[in-house]
C-alpha cells in the first residue's frame, strides 16, 4: 500500500502539477504587477481615472467595478498571451523545425551509409 502511494507521489504528472502550480502562483505576482503598475496607469493617463469603479453607478449597482474587473482580466490575458504564449509557440516551432532538419540529415546519412554497404556487398 505504501509503495503505491510512493509511486503516485513520484509519478511525473503529480510533480509537474506541483511545479506548475508554484510557477503559476509566482507568475501571478509578475502579471499583476505589470497590469497594476504599467498598463492601468497608462490607461488612467488617457481617461484621467486610476480605475473605472466610479463609472456607470446606478443607485447601489456599481457597474464600474465590474468594468474594472473586465478591463483587468483583458489586460492580464493580453499580458500572458504576448509575454508567454506567443514566445513559447515560437520556441516550440523553432525546436520542431530544428528537430525535423536534424532527422532529415540523419536519414540522409543513413541512406548514404546503406548505399555504401550495398555497393561494397555488390563488389564482393
PDB file of N, CA and C in Angstrom:
ATOM      1  N   UNK A   1       0.820  -1.187   0.000  1.00  0.00           N
ATOM      2  CA  UNK A   1       0.000   0.000   0.000  1.00  0.00           C
ATOM      3  C   UNK A   1       0.869   1.258   0.000  1.00  0.00           C
ATOM      4  N   UNK A   2       1.921   1.284   0.788  1.00  0.00           N
ATOM      5  CA  UNK A   2       2.807   2.448   0.825  1.00  0.00           C
ATOM      6  C   UNK A   2       3.583   2.602  -0.469  1.00  0.00           C
ATOM      7  N   UNK A   3       3.918   1.470  -1.102  1.00  0.00           N
ATOM      8  CA  UNK A   3       4.626   1.554  -2.384  1.00  0.00           C
ATOM      9  C   UNK A   3       3.754   2.225  -3.445  1.00  0.00           C
ATOM     10  N   UNK A   4       2.464   1.903  -3.454  1.00  0.00           N
ATOM     11  CA  UNK A   4       1.553   2.531  -4.403  1.00  0.00           C
ATOM     12  C   UNK A   4       1.452   4.034  -4.170  1.00  0.00           C
ATOM     13  N   UNK A   5       1.418   4.436  -2.896  1.00  0.00           N
ATOM     14  CA  UNK A   5       1.357   5.853  -2.570  1.00  0.00           C
ATOM     15  C   UNK A   5       2.643   6.555  -2.989  1.00  0.00           C
ATOM     16  N   UNK A   6       3.784   5.876  -2.743  1.00  0.00           N
ATOM     17  CA  UNK A   6       5.081   6.433  -3.137  1.00  0.00           C
ATOM     18  C   UNK A   6       5.150   6.583  -4.656  1.00  0.00           C
ATOM     19  N   UNK A   7       4.681   5.575  -5.382  1.00  0.00           N
ATOM     20  CA  UNK A   7       4.669   5.659  -6.847  1.00  0.00           C
ATOM     21  C   UNK A   7       3.789   6.804  -7.332  1.00  0.00           C
ATOM     22  N   UNK A   8       2.647   6.999  -6.658  1.00  0.00           N
ATOM     23  CA  UNK A   8       1.754   8.087  -7.020  1.00  0.00           C
ATOM     24  C   UNK A   8       2.426   9.440  -6.840  1.00  0.00           C
ATOM     25  N   UNK A   9       3.124   9.617  -5.730  1.00  0.00           N
ATOM     26  CA  UNK A   9       3.781  10.887  -5.451  1.00  0.00           C
ATOM     27  C   UNK A   9       4.953  11.153  -6.382  1.00  0.00           C
ATOM     28  N   UNK A  10       5.673  10.106  -6.725  1.00  0.00           N
ATOM     29  CA  UNK A  10       6.870  10.274  -7.548  1.00  0.00           C
ATOM     30  C   UNK A  10       6.528  10.347  -9.033  1.00  0.00           C
ATOM     31  N   UNK A  11       5.342   9.872  -9.401  1.00  0.00           N
ATOM     32  CA  UNK A  11       4.944   9.889 -10.807  1.00  0.00           C
ATOM     33  C   UNK A  11       5.067  11.305 -11.363  1.00  0.00           C
ATOM     34  N   UNK A  12       5.478  11.428 -12.589  1.00  0.00           N
ATOM     35  CA  UNK A  12       5.799  12.721 -13.185  1.00  0.00           C
ATOM     36  C   UNK A  12       4.691  13.742 -13.185  1.00  0.00           C
ATOM     37  N   UNK A  13       3.440  13.314 -13.464  1.00  0.00           N
ATOM     38  CA  UNK A  13       2.396  14.320 -13.592  1.00  0.00           C
ATOM     39  C   UNK A  13       2.055  14.993 -12.264  1.00  0.00           C
ATOM     40  N   UNK A  14       2.233  14.331 -11.128  1.00  0.00           N
ATOM     41  CA  UNK A  14       1.976  14.968  -9.834  1.00  0.00           C
ATOM     42  C   UNK A  14       3.030  16.043  -9.579  1.00  0.00           C
ATOM     43  N   UNK A  15       4.267  15.721  -9.868  1.00  0.00           N
ATOM     44  CA  UNK A  15       5.353  16.683  -9.675  1.00  0.00           C
ATOM     45  C   UNK A  15       5.202  17.834 -10.665  1.00  0.00           C
ATOM     46  N   UNK A  16       4.862  17.527 -11.912  1.00  0.00           N
ATOM     47  CA  UNK A  16       4.643  18.581 -12.907  1.00  0.00           C
ATOM     48  C   UNK A  16       3.518  19.515 -12.478  1.00  0.00           C
ATOM     49  N   UNK A  17       2.454  18.939 -11.940  1.00  0.00           N
ATOM     50  CA  UNK A  17       1.337  19.751 -11.478  1.00  0.00           C
ATOM     51  C   UNK A  17       1.763  20.659 -10.331  1.00  0.00           C
ATOM     52  N   UNK A  18       2.538  20.120  -9.394  1.00  0.00           N
ATOM     53  CA  UNK A  18       3.006  20.932  -8.266  1.00  0.00           C
ATOM     54  C   UNK A  18       3.908  22.069  -8.751  1.00  0.00           C
ATOM     55  N   UNK A  19       4.811  21.757  -9.651  1.00  0.00           N
ATOM     56  CA  UNK A  19       5.700  22.790 -10.187  1.00  0.00           C
ATOM     57  C   UNK A  19       4.884  23.836 -10.948  1.00  0.00           C
ATOM     58  N   UNK A  20       3.919  23.398 -11.737  1.00  0.00           N
ATOM     59  CA  UNK A  20       3.071  24.332 -12.472  1.00  0.00           C
ATOM     60  C   UNK A  20       2.280  25.239 -11.546  1.00  0.00           C
ATOM     61  N   UNK A  21       1.771  24.684 -10.473  1.00  0.00           N
ATOM     62  CA  UNK A  21       1.016  25.483  -9.509  1.00  0.00           C
ATOM     63  C   UNK A  21       1.906  26.524  -8.842  1.00  0.00           C
ATOM     64  N   UNK A  22       3.085  26.117  -8.445  1.00  0.00           N
ATOM     65  CA  UNK A  22       4.029  27.040  -7.810  1.00  0.00           C
ATOM     66  C   UNK A  22       4.449  28.134  -8.781  1.00  0.00           C
ATOM     67  N   UNK A  23       4.778  27.746 -10.004  1.00  0.00           N
ATOM     68  CA  UNK A  23       5.197  28.727 -11.000  1.00  0.00           C
ATOM     69  C   UNK A  23       4.026  29.648 -11.372  1.00  0.00           C
ATOM     70  N   UNK A  24       2.822  29.100 -11.456  1.00  0.00           N
ATOM     71  CA  UNK A  24       1.658  29.918 -11.754  1.00  0.00           C
ATOM     72  C   UNK A  24       1.397  30.952 -10.681  1.00  0.00           C
ATOM     73  N   UNK A  25       1.563  30.541  -9.429  1.00  0.00           N
ATOM     74  CA  UNK A  25       1.381  31.474  -8.319  1.00  0.00           C
ATOM     75  C   UNK A  25       2.434  32.576  -8.369  1.00  0.00           C
ATOM     76  N   UNK A  26       3.661  32.205  -8.629  1.00  0.00           N
ATOM     77  CA  UNK A  26       4.726  33.197  -8.718  1.00  0.00           C
ATOM     78  C   UNK A  26       4.512  34.115  -9.919  1.00  0.00           C
ATOM     79  N   UNK A  27       4.071  33.564 -11.025  1.00  0.00           N
ATOM     80  CA  UNK A  27       3.863  34.344 -12.233  1.00  0.00           C
ATOM     81  C   UNK A  27       2.683  35.301 -12.076  1.00  0.00           C
ATOM     82  N   UNK A  28       1.708  34.913 -11.253  1.00  0.00           N
ATOM     83  CA  UNK A  28       0.567  35.788 -10.982  1.00  0.00           C
ATOM     84  C   UNK A  28       1.037  37.127 -10.438  1.00  0.00           C
ATOM     85  N   UNK A  29       2.019  37.102  -9.545  1.00  0.00           N
ATOM     86  CA  UNK A  29       2.549  38.346  -8.987  1.00  0.00           C
ATOM     87  C   UNK A  29       3.179  39.209 -10.077  1.00  0.00           C
ATOM     88  N   UNK A  30       3.867  38.583 -11.017  1.00  0.00           N
ATOM     89  CA  UNK A  30       4.504  39.328 -12.097  1.00  0.00           C
ATOM     90  C   UNK A  30       3.452  39.973 -13.002  1.00  0.00           C
ATOM     91  N   UNK A  31       2.451  39.204 -13.385  1.00  0.00           N
ATOM     92  CA  UNK A  31       1.411  39.723 -14.272  1.00  0.00           C
ATOM     93  C   UNK A  31       0.597  40.806 -13.566  1.00  0.00           C
ATOM     94  N   UNK A  32       0.279  40.593 -12.290  1.00  0.00           N
ATOM     95  CA  UNK A  32      -0.464  41.596 -11.533  1.00  0.00           C
ATOM     96  C   UNK A  32       0.332  42.898 -11.440  1.00  0.00           C
ATOM     97  N   UNK A  33       1.615  42.797 -11.190  1.00  0.00           N
ATOM     98  CA  UNK A  33       2.457  43.996 -11.132  1.00  0.00           C
ATOM     99  C   UNK A  33       2.482  44.702 -12.482  1.00  0.00           C
ATOM    100  N   UNK A  34       2.564  43.949 -13.562  1.00  0.00           N
ATOM    101  CA  UNK A  34       2.550  44.550 -14.899  1.00  0.00           C
ATOM    102  C   UNK A  34       1.251  45.308 -15.145  1.00  0.00           C
ATOM    103  N   UNK A  35       0.126  44.671 -14.809  1.00  0.00           N
ATOM    104  CA  UNK A  35      -1.169  45.303 -15.062  1.00  0.00           C
ATOM    105  C   UNK A  35      -1.362  46.516 -14.162  1.00  0.00           C
ATOM    106  N   UNK A  36      -1.068  46.373 -12.859  1.00  0.00           N
ATOM    107  CA  UNK A  36      -1.324  47.462 -11.917  1.00  0.00           C
ATOM    108  C   UNK A  36      -0.302  48.593 -12.021  1.00  0.00           C
ATOM    109  N   UNK A  37       0.933  48.271 -12.350  1.00  0.00           N
ATOM    110  CA  UNK A  37       1.987  49.292 -12.341  1.00  0.00           C
ATOM    111  C   UNK A  37       2.300  49.893 -13.705  1.00  0.00           C
ATOM    112  N   UNK A  38       1.945  49.185 -14.768  1.00  0.00           N
ATOM    113  CA  UNK A  38       2.296  49.682 -16.105  1.00  0.00           C
ATOM    114  C   UNK A  38       1.054  49.932 -16.959  1.00  0.00           C
ATOM    115  N   UNK A  39       0.236  48.906 -17.133  1.00  0.00           N
ATOM    116  CA  UNK A  39      -0.868  49.027 -18.078  1.00  0.00           C
ATOM    117  C   UNK A  39      -1.995  49.928 -17.573  1.00  0.00           C
ATOM    118  N   UNK A  40      -2.467  49.714 -16.347  1.00  0.00           N
ATOM    119  CA  UNK A  40      -3.555  50.553 -15.826  1.00  0.00           C
ATOM    120  C   UNK A  40      -3.133  52.012 -15.671  1.00  0.00           C
ATOM    121  N   UNK A  41      -1.917  52.332 -15.183  1.00  0.00           N
ATOM    122  CA  UNK A  41      -1.521  53.747 -15.158  1.00  0.00           C
ATOM    123  C   UNK A  41      -1.471  54.375 -16.550  1.00  0.00           C
ATOM    124  N   UNK A  42      -1.074  53.597 -17.550  1.00  0.00           N
ATOM    125  CA  UNK A  42      -1.058  54.123 -18.918  1.00  0.00           C
ATOM    126  C   UNK A  42      -2.481  54.434 -19.381  1.00  0.00           C
ATOM    127  N   UNK A  43      -3.415  53.555 -19.062  1.00  0.00           N
ATOM    128  CA  UNK A  43      -4.814  53.802 -19.422  1.00  0.00           C
ATOM    129  C   UNK A  43      -5.364  54.977 -18.623  1.00  0.00           C
ATOM    130  N   UNK A  44      -5.010  55.054 -17.336  1.00  0.00           N
ATOM    131  CA  UNK A  44      -5.533  56.139 -16.499  1.00  0.00           C
ATOM    132  C   UNK A  44      -5.015  57.504 -16.969  1.00  0.00           C
ATOM    133  N   UNK A  45      -3.852  57.539 -17.599  1.00  0.00           N
ATOM    134  CA  UNK A  45      -3.364  58.800 -18.163  1.00  0.00           C
ATOM    135  C   UNK A  45      -4.281  59.261 -19.298  1.00  0.00           C
ATOM    136  N   UNK A  46      -4.867  58.310 -20.003  1.00  0.00           N
ATOM    137  CA  UNK A  46      -5.757  58.649 -21.112  1.00  0.00           C
ATOM    138  C   UNK A  46      -7.147  59.077 -20.636  1.00  0.00           C
ATOM    139  N   UNK A  47      -7.668  58.404 -19.598  1.00  0.00           N
ATOM    140  CA  UNK A  47      -9.041  58.701 -19.167  1.00  0.00           C
ATOM    141  C   UNK A  47      -9.097  59.504 -17.873  1.00  0.00           C
ATOM    142  N   UNK A  48      -7.954  59.849 -17.309  1.00  0.00           N
ATOM    143  CA  UNK A  48      -7.864  60.671 -16.099  1.00  0.00           C
ATOM    144  C   UNK A  48      -8.525  60.015 -14.888  1.00  0.00           C
ATOM    145  N   UNK A  49      -8.483  58.686 -14.825  1.00  0.00           N
ATOM    146  CA  UNK A  49      -9.039  57.970 -13.678  1.00  0.00           C
ATOM    147  C   UNK A  49      -8.207  56.711 -13.456  1.00  0.00           C
ATOM    148  N   UNK A  50      -7.831  56.407 -12.210  1.00  0.00           N
ATOM    149  CA  UNK A  50      -6.995  55.232 -11.970  1.00  0.00           C
ATOM    150  C   UNK A  50      -7.733  53.914 -12.170  1.00  0.00           C
ATOM    151  N   UNK A  51      -9.060  53.949 -12.130  1.00  0.00           N
ATOM    152  CA  UNK A  51      -9.853  52.758 -12.423  1.00  0.00           C
ATOM    153  C   UNK A  51     -11.249  53.194 -12.840  1.00  0.00           C
ATOM    154  N   UNK A  52     -12.102  52.252 -13.113  1.00  0.00           N
ATOM    155  CA  UNK A  52     -13.444  52.547 -13.592  1.00  0.00           C
ATOM    156  C   UNK A  52     -14.494  52.361 -12.504  1.00  0.00           C
ATOM    157  N   UNK A  53     -14.081  52.238 -11.249  1.00  0.00           N
ATOM    158  CA  UNK A  53     -15.002  51.893 -10.173  1.00  0.00           C
ATOM    159  C   UNK A  53     -16.141  52.897 -10.006  1.00  0.00           C
ATOM    160  N   UNK A  54     -15.933  54.146 -10.314  1.00  0.00           N
ATOM    161  CA  UNK A  54     -16.977  55.164 -10.130  1.00  0.00           C
ATOM    162  C   UNK A  54     -17.795  55.399 -11.407  1.00  0.00           C
ATOM    163  N   UNK A  55     -17.480  54.694 -12.465  1.00  0.00           N
ATOM    164  CA  UNK A  55     -18.223  54.868 -13.708  1.00  0.00           C
ATOM    165  C   UNK A  55     -19.542  54.103 -13.645  1.00  0.00           C
ATOM    166  N   UNK A  56     -20.538  54.603 -14.320  1.00  0.00           N
ATOM    167  CA  UNK A  56     -21.818  53.926 -14.509  1.00  0.00           C
ATOM    168  C   UNK A  56     -22.442  53.429 -13.211  1.00  0.00           C
ATOM    169  N   UNK A  57     -22.609  54.315 -12.261  1.00  0.00           N
ATOM    170  CA  UNK A  57     -23.226  53.945 -10.993  1.00  0.00           C
ATOM    171  C   UNK A  57     -24.718  54.226 -11.079  1.00  0.00           C
ATOM    172  N   UNK A  58     -25.528  53.205 -10.870  1.00  0.00           N
ATOM    173  CA  UNK A  58     -26.987  53.329 -10.862  1.00  0.00           C
ATOM    174  C   UNK A  58     -27.484  52.946  -9.477  1.00  0.00           C
ATOM    175  N   UNK A  59     -27.601  53.908  -8.588  1.00  0.00           N
ATOM    176  CA  UNK A  59     -28.025  53.614  -7.219  1.00  0.00           C
ATOM    177  C   UNK A  59     -26.983  52.750  -6.531  1.00  0.00           C
ATOM    178  N   UNK A  60     -27.364  51.564  -6.138  1.00  0.00           N
ATOM    179  CA  UNK A  60     -26.453  50.639  -5.468  1.00  0.00           C
ATOM    180  C   UNK A  60     -25.710  49.738  -6.454  1.00  0.00           C
ATOM    181  N   UNK A  61     -26.084  49.771  -7.703  1.00  0.00           N
ATOM    182  CA  UNK A  61     -25.460  48.919  -8.722  1.00  0.00           C
ATOM    183  C   UNK A  61     -24.235  49.638  -9.261  1.00  0.00           C
ATOM    184  N   UNK A  62     -23.064  49.120  -8.956  1.00  0.00           N
ATOM    185  CA  UNK A  62     -21.808  49.731  -9.389  1.00  0.00           C
ATOM    186  C   UNK A  62     -21.251  48.950 -10.578  1.00  0.00           C
ATOM    187  N   UNK A  63     -21.688  49.304 -11.733  1.00  0.00           N
ATOM    188  CA  UNK A  63     -21.266  48.629 -12.953  1.00  0.00           C
ATOM    189  C   UNK A  63     -19.785  48.891 -13.213  1.00  0.00           C
ATOM    190  N   UNK A  64     -19.278  50.029 -12.737  1.00  0.00           N
ATOM    191  CA  UNK A  64     -17.884  50.379 -12.945  1.00  0.00           C
ATOM    192  C   UNK A  64     -16.923  49.387 -12.310  1.00  0.00           C
ATOM    193  N   UNK A  65     -17.301  48.821 -11.157  1.00  0.00           N
ATOM    194  CA  UNK A  65     -16.452  47.809 -10.509  1.00  0.00           C
ATOM    195  C   UNK A  65     -16.304  46.595 -11.423  1.00  0.00           C
ATOM    196  N   UNK A  66     -17.434  46.195 -12.015  1.00  0.00           N
ATOM    197  CA  UNK A  66     -17.395  45.082 -12.961  1.00  0.00           C
ATOM    198  C   UNK A  66     -16.561  45.448 -14.181  1.00  0.00           C
ATOM    199  N   UNK A  67     -16.719  46.674 -14.662  1.00  0.00           N
ATOM    200  CA  UNK A  67     -15.947  47.137 -15.812  1.00  0.00           C
ATOM    201  C   UNK A  67     -14.446  47.120 -15.510  1.00  0.00           C
ATOM    202  N   UNK A  68     -14.070  47.544 -14.311  1.00  0.00           N
ATOM    203  CA  UNK A  68     -12.653  47.493 -13.914  1.00  0.00           C
ATOM    204  C   UNK A  68     -12.147  46.058 -13.915  1.00  0.00           C
ATOM    205  N   UNK A  69     -12.947  45.140 -13.379  1.00  0.00           N
ATOM    206  CA  UNK A  69     -12.546  43.723 -13.350  1.00  0.00           C
ATOM    207  C   UNK A  69     -12.394  43.169 -14.760  1.00  0.00           C
ATOM    208  N   UNK A  70     -13.309  43.553 -15.659  1.00  0.00           N
ATOM    209  CA  UNK A  70     -13.228  43.073 -17.045  1.00  0.00           C
ATOM    210  C   UNK A  70     -11.983  43.623 -17.731  1.00  0.00           C
ATOM    211  N   UNK A  71     -11.711  44.909 -17.544  1.00  0.00           N
ATOM    212  CA  UNK A  71     -10.514  45.508 -18.149  1.00  0.00           C
ATOM    213  C   UNK A  71      -9.259  44.850 -17.591  1.00  0.00           C
ATOM    214  N   UNK A  72      -9.217  44.629 -16.278  1.00  0.00           N
ATOM    215  CA  UNK A  72      -8.065  43.949 -15.680  1.00  0.00           C
ATOM    216  C   UNK A  72      -7.885  42.555 -16.257  1.00  0.00           C
ATOM    217  N   UNK A  73      -8.997  41.827 -16.433  1.00  0.00           N
ATOM    218  CA  UNK A  73      -8.922  40.485 -17.000  1.00  0.00           C
ATOM    219  C   UNK A  73      -8.370  40.522 -18.418  1.00  0.00           C
ATOM    220  N   UNK A  74      -8.873  41.446 -19.226  1.00  0.00           N
ATOM    221  CA  UNK A  74      -8.402  41.552 -20.609  1.00  0.00           C
ATOM    222  C   UNK A  74      -6.921  41.920 -20.643  1.00  0.00           C
ATOM    223  N   UNK A  75      -6.508  42.834 -19.777  1.00  0.00           N
ATOM    224  CA  UNK A  75      -5.095  43.220 -19.738  1.00  0.00           C
ATOM    225  C   UNK A  75      -4.215  42.053 -19.283  1.00  0.00           C
ATOM    226  N   UNK A  76      -4.676  41.312 -18.288  1.00  0.00           N
ATOM    227  CA  UNK A  76      -3.911  40.149 -17.822  1.00  0.00           C
ATOM    228  C   UNK A  76      -3.821  39.104 -18.926  1.00  0.00           C
ATOM    229  N   UNK A  77      -4.953  38.849 -19.597  1.00  0.00           N
ATOM    230  CA  UNK A  77      -4.940  37.875 -20.690  1.00  0.00           C
ATOM    231  C   UNK A  77      -3.995  38.310 -21.803  1.00  0.00           C
ATOM    232  N   UNK A  78      -4.005  39.594 -22.134  1.00  0.00           N
ATOM    233  CA  UNK A  78      -3.109  40.096 -23.177  1.00  0.00           C
ATOM    234  C   UNK A  78      -1.656  39.982 -22.744  1.00  0.00           C
ATOM    235  N   UNK A  79      -1.379  40.316 -21.485  1.00  0.00           N
ATOM    236  CA  UNK A  79      -0.004  40.215 -20.992  1.00  0.00           C
ATOM    237  C   UNK A  79       0.486  38.777 -21.034  1.00  0.00           C
ATOM    238  N   UNK A  80      -0.350  37.843 -20.611  1.00  0.00           N
ATOM    239  CA  UNK A  80       0.043  36.421 -20.630  1.00  0.00           C
ATOM    240  C   UNK A  80       0.223  35.954 -22.069  1.00  0.00           C
ATOM    241  N   UNK A  81      -0.694  36.339 -22.947  1.00  0.00           N
ATOM    242  CA  UNK A  81      -0.606  35.890 -24.329  1.00  0.00           C
ATOM    243  C   UNK A  81       0.664  36.396 -25.009  1.00  0.00           C
ATOM    244  N   UNK A  82       0.917  37.697 -24.893  1.00  0.00           N
ATOM    245  CA  UNK A  82       2.052  38.272 -25.608  1.00  0.00           C
ATOM    246  C   UNK A  82       3.385  38.023 -24.915  1.00  0.00           C
ATOM    247  N   UNK A  83       3.379  37.832 -23.593  1.00  0.00           N
ATOM    248  CA  UNK A  83       4.642  37.628 -22.872  1.00  0.00           C
ATOM    249  C   UNK A  83       4.994  36.160 -22.694  1.00  0.00           C
ATOM    250  N   UNK A  84       3.991  35.276 -22.770  1.00  0.00           N
ATOM    251  CA  UNK A  84       4.266  33.858 -22.511  1.00  0.00           C
ATOM    252  C   UNK A  84       3.864  32.980 -23.690  1.00  0.00           C
ATOM    253  N   UNK A  85       2.612  33.043 -24.096  1.00  0.00           N
ATOM    254  CA  UNK A  85       2.095  32.097 -25.086  1.00  0.00           C
ATOM    255  C   UNK A  85       2.792  32.252 -26.431  1.00  0.00           C
ATOM    256  N   UNK A  86       2.849  33.458 -26.962  1.00  0.00           N
ATOM    257  CA  UNK A  86       3.498  33.652 -28.267  1.00  0.00           C
ATOM    258  C   UNK A  86       4.974  33.255 -28.261  1.00  0.00           C
ATOM    259  N   UNK A  87       5.778  33.702 -27.266  1.00  0.00           N
ATOM    260  CA  UNK A  87       7.177  33.269 -27.265  1.00  0.00           C
ATOM    261  C   UNK A  87       7.345  31.750 -27.153  1.00  0.00           C
ATOM    262  N   UNK A  88       6.505  31.108 -26.348  1.00  0.00           N
ATOM    263  CA  UNK A  88       6.602  29.645 -26.214  1.00  0.00           C
ATOM    264  C   UNK A  88       6.225  28.977 -27.521  1.00  0.00           C
ATOM    265  N   UNK A  89       5.194  29.484 -28.195  1.00  0.00           N
ATOM    266  CA  UNK A  89       4.827  28.925 -29.503  1.00  0.00           C
ATOM    267  C   UNK A  89       5.969  29.070 -30.501  1.00  0.00           C
ATOM    268  N   UNK A  90       6.603  30.235 -30.519  1.00  0.00           N
ATOM    269  CA  UNK A  90       7.720  30.457 -31.450  1.00  0.00           C
ATOM    270  C   UNK A  90       8.877  29.514 -31.127  1.00  0.00           C
ATOM    271  N   UNK A  91       9.186  29.353 -29.837  1.00  0.00           N
ATOM    272  CA  UNK A  91      10.261  28.443 -29.437  1.00  0.00           C
ATOM    273  C   UNK A  91       9.921  27.001 -29.802  1.00  0.00           C
ATOM    274  N   UNK A  92       8.670  26.617 -29.621  1.00  0.00           N
ATOM    275  CA  UNK A  92       8.242  25.263 -29.968  1.00  0.00           C
ATOM    276  C   UNK A  92       8.350  25.027 -31.467  1.00  0.00           C
ATOM    277  N   UNK A  93       7.915  26.013 -32.258  1.00  0.00           N
ATOM    278  CA  UNK A  93       8.031  25.894 -33.715  1.00  0.00           C
ATOM    279  C   UNK A  93       9.489  25.791 -34.135  1.00  0.00           C
ATOM    280  N   UNK A  94      10.338  26.613 -33.538  1.00  0.00           N
ATOM    281  CA  UNK A  94      11.755  26.590 -33.863  1.00  0.00           C
ATOM    282  C   UNK A  94      12.380  25.249 -33.487  1.00  0.00           C
ATOM    283  N   UNK A  95      12.027  24.737 -32.311  1.00  0.00           N
ATOM    284  CA  UNK A  95      12.573  23.454 -31.871  1.00  0.00           C
ATOM    285  C   UNK A  95      12.113  22.319 -32.774  1.00  0.00           C
ATOM    286  N   UNK A  96      10.834  22.315 -33.162  1.00  0.00           N
ATOM    287  CA  UNK A  96      10.348  21.247 -34.034  1.00  0.00           C
ATOM    288  C   UNK A  96      10.950  21.355 -35.430  1.00  0.00           C
ATOM    289  N   UNK A  97      11.183  22.587 -35.885  1.00  0.00           N
ATOM    290  CA  UNK A  97      11.825  22.784 -37.191  1.00  0.00           C
ATOM    291  C   UNK A  97      13.260  22.257 -37.154  1.00  0.00           C
ATOM    292  N   UNK A  98      13.982  22.581 -36.085  1.00  0.00           N
ATOM    293  CA  UNK A  98      15.353  22.079 -35.941  1.00  0.00           C
ATOM    294  C   UNK A  98      15.372  20.566 -35.817  1.00  0.00           C
ATOM    295  N   UNK A  99      14.410  20.000 -35.094  1.00  0.00           N
ATOM    296  CA  UNK A  99      14.337  18.544 -34.923  1.00  0.00           C
ATOM    297  C   UNK A  99      14.073  17.880 -36.266  1.00  0.00           C
ATOM    298  N   UNK A 100      13.161  18.457 -37.057  1.00  0.00           N
ATOM    299  CA  UNK A 100      12.858  17.895 -38.371  1.00  0.00           C
ATOM    300  C   UNK A 100      14.081  17.955 -39.280  1.00  0.00           C
ATOM    301  N   UNK A 101      14.816  19.056 -39.212  1.00  0.00           N
ATOM    302  CA  UNK A 101      16.013  19.196 -40.032  1.00  0.00           C
ATOM    303  C   UNK A 101      17.074  18.184 -39.599  1.00  0.00           C
ATOM    304  N   UNK A 102      17.240  17.991 -38.298  1.00  0.00           N
ATOM    305  CA  UNK A 102      18.203  17.007 -37.804  1.00  0.00           C
ATOM    306  C   UNK A 102      17.802  15.602 -38.227  1.00  0.00           C
ATOM    307  N   UNK A 103      16.500  15.296 -38.149  1.00  0.00           N
ATOM    308  CA  UNK A 103      16.014  13.976 -38.560  1.00  0.00           C
ATOM    309  C   UNK A 103      16.265  13.747 -40.048  1.00  0.00           C
ATOM    310  N   UNK A 104      16.056  14.775 -40.846  1.00  0.00           N
ATOM    311  CA  UNK A 104      16.274  14.661 -42.289  1.00  0.00           C
ATOM    312  C   UNK A 104      17.754  14.427 -42.590  1.00  0.00           C
ATOM    313  N   UNK A 105      18.620  15.153 -41.907  1.00  0.00           N
ATOM    314  CA  UNK A 105      20.059  14.969 -42.110  1.00  0.00           C
ATOM    315  C   UNK A 105      20.489  13.568 -41.670  1.00  0.00           C
ATOM    316  N   UNK A 106      19.928  13.091 -40.559  1.00  0.00           N
ATOM    317  CA  UNK A 106      20.261  11.753 -40.074  1.00  0.00           C
ATOM    318  C   UNK A 106      19.786  10.697 -41.062  1.00  0.00           C
ATOM    319  N   UNK A 107      18.604  10.899 -41.639  1.00  0.00           N
ATOM    320  CA  UNK A 107      18.076   9.958 -42.618  1.00  0.00           C
ATOM    321  C   UNK A 107      18.946   9.932 -43.872  1.00  0.00           C
ATOM    322  N   UNK A 108      19.391  11.109 -44.317  1.00  0.00           N
ATOM    323  CA  UNK A 108      20.260  11.176 -45.487  1.00  0.00           C
ATOM    324  C   UNK A 108      21.582  10.466 -45.219  1.00  0.00           C
ATOM    325  N   UNK A 109      22.116  10.615 -44.023  1.00  0.00           N
ATOM    326  CA  UNK A 109      23.357   9.938 -43.647  1.00  0.00           C
ATOM    327  C   UNK A 109      23.166   8.429 -43.648  1.00  0.00           C
ATOM    328  N   UNK A 110      22.019   7.982 -43.088  1.00  0.00           N
ATOM    329  CA  UNK A 110      21.738   6.548 -43.069  1.00  0.00           C
ATOM    330  C   UNK A 110      21.600   5.991 -44.482  1.00  0.00           C
ATOM    331  N   UNK A 111      20.927   6.732 -45.353  1.00  0.00           N
ATOM    332  CA  UNK A 111      20.759   6.279 -46.746  1.00  0.00           C
ATOM    333  C   UNK A 111      22.110   6.189 -47.436  1.00  0.00           C
ATOM    334  N   UNK A 112      22.966   7.171 -47.237  1.00  0.00           N
ATOM    335  CA  UNK A 112      24.294   7.138 -47.845  1.00  0.00           C
ATOM    336  C   UNK A 112      25.092   5.949 -47.322  1.00  0.00           C
ATOM    337  N   UNK A 113      25.001   5.685 -46.041  1.00  0.00           N
ATOM    338  CA  UNK A 113      25.716   4.551 -45.452  1.00  0.00           C
ATOM    339  C   UNK A 113      25.185   3.231 -46.008  1.00  0.00           C
ATOM    340  N   UNK A 114      23.865   3.112 -46.114  1.00  0.00           N
ATOM    341  CA  UNK A 114      23.284   1.888 -46.675  1.00  0.00           C
ATOM    342  C   UNK A 114      23.691   1.692 -48.135  1.00  0.00           C
ATOM    343  N   UNK A 115      23.805   2.774 -48.903  1.00  0.00           N
ATOM    344  CA  UNK A 115      24.260   2.669 -50.296  1.00  0.00           C
ATOM    345  C   UNK A 115      25.699   2.194 -50.359  1.00  0.00           C
ATOM    346  N   UNK A 116      26.529   2.702 -49.443  1.00  0.00           N
ATOM    347  CA  UNK A 116      27.923   2.252 -49.398  1.00  0.00           C
ATOM    348  C   UNK A 116      27.999   0.769 -49.073  1.00  0.00           C
ATOM    349  N   UNK A 117      27.184   0.328 -48.125  1.00  0.00           N
ATOM    350  CA  UNK A 117      27.176  -1.095 -47.767  1.00  0.00           C
ATOM    351  C   UNK A 117      26.705  -1.929 -48.950  1.00  0.00           C
ATOM    352  N   UNK A 118      25.652  -1.476 -49.625  1.00  0.00           N
ATOM    353  CA  UNK A 118      25.137  -2.185 -50.800  1.00  0.00           C
ATOM    354  C   UNK A 118      26.198  -2.293 -51.890  1.00  0.00           C
ATOM    355  N   UNK A 119      26.873  -1.182 -52.152  1.00  0.00           N
ATOM    356  CA  UNK A 119      27.911  -1.181 -53.183  1.00  0.00           C
ATOM    357  C   UNK A 119      29.077  -2.101 -52.795  1.00  0.00           C
ATOM    358  N   UNK A 120      29.439  -2.092 -51.523  1.00  0.00           N
ATOM    359  CA  UNK A 120      30.524  -2.952 -51.052  1.00  0.00           C
ATOM    360  C   UNK A 120      30.133  -4.425 -51.190  1.00  0.00           C
ATOM    361  N   UNK A 121      28.893  -4.731 -50.862  1.00  0.00           N
ATOM    362  CA  UNK A 121      28.426  -6.121 -50.991  1.00  0.00           C
ATOM    363  C   UNK A 121      28.339  -6.524 -52.473  1.00  0.00           C
ATOM    364  N   UNK A 122      27.962  -5.587 -53.317  1.00  0.00           N
ATOM    365  CA  UNK A 122      27.854  -5.905 -54.757  1.00  0.00           C
ATOM    366  C   UNK A 122      29.231  -6.193 -55.339  1.00  0.00           C
ATOM    367  N   UNK A 123      30.288  -5.572 -54.854  1.00  0.00           N
ATOM    368  CA  UNK A 123      31.645  -5.797 -55.355  1.00  0.00           C
ATOM    369  C   UNK A 123      32.153  -7.178 -54.960  1.00  0.00           C
ATOM    370  N   UNK A 124      31.684  -7.654 -53.826  1.00  0.00           N
ATOM    371  CA  UNK A 124      32.160  -8.980 -53.386  1.00  0.00           C
ATOM    372  C   UNK A 124      31.497 -10.007 -54.220  1.00  0.00           C
TER     373      UNK A 124
END
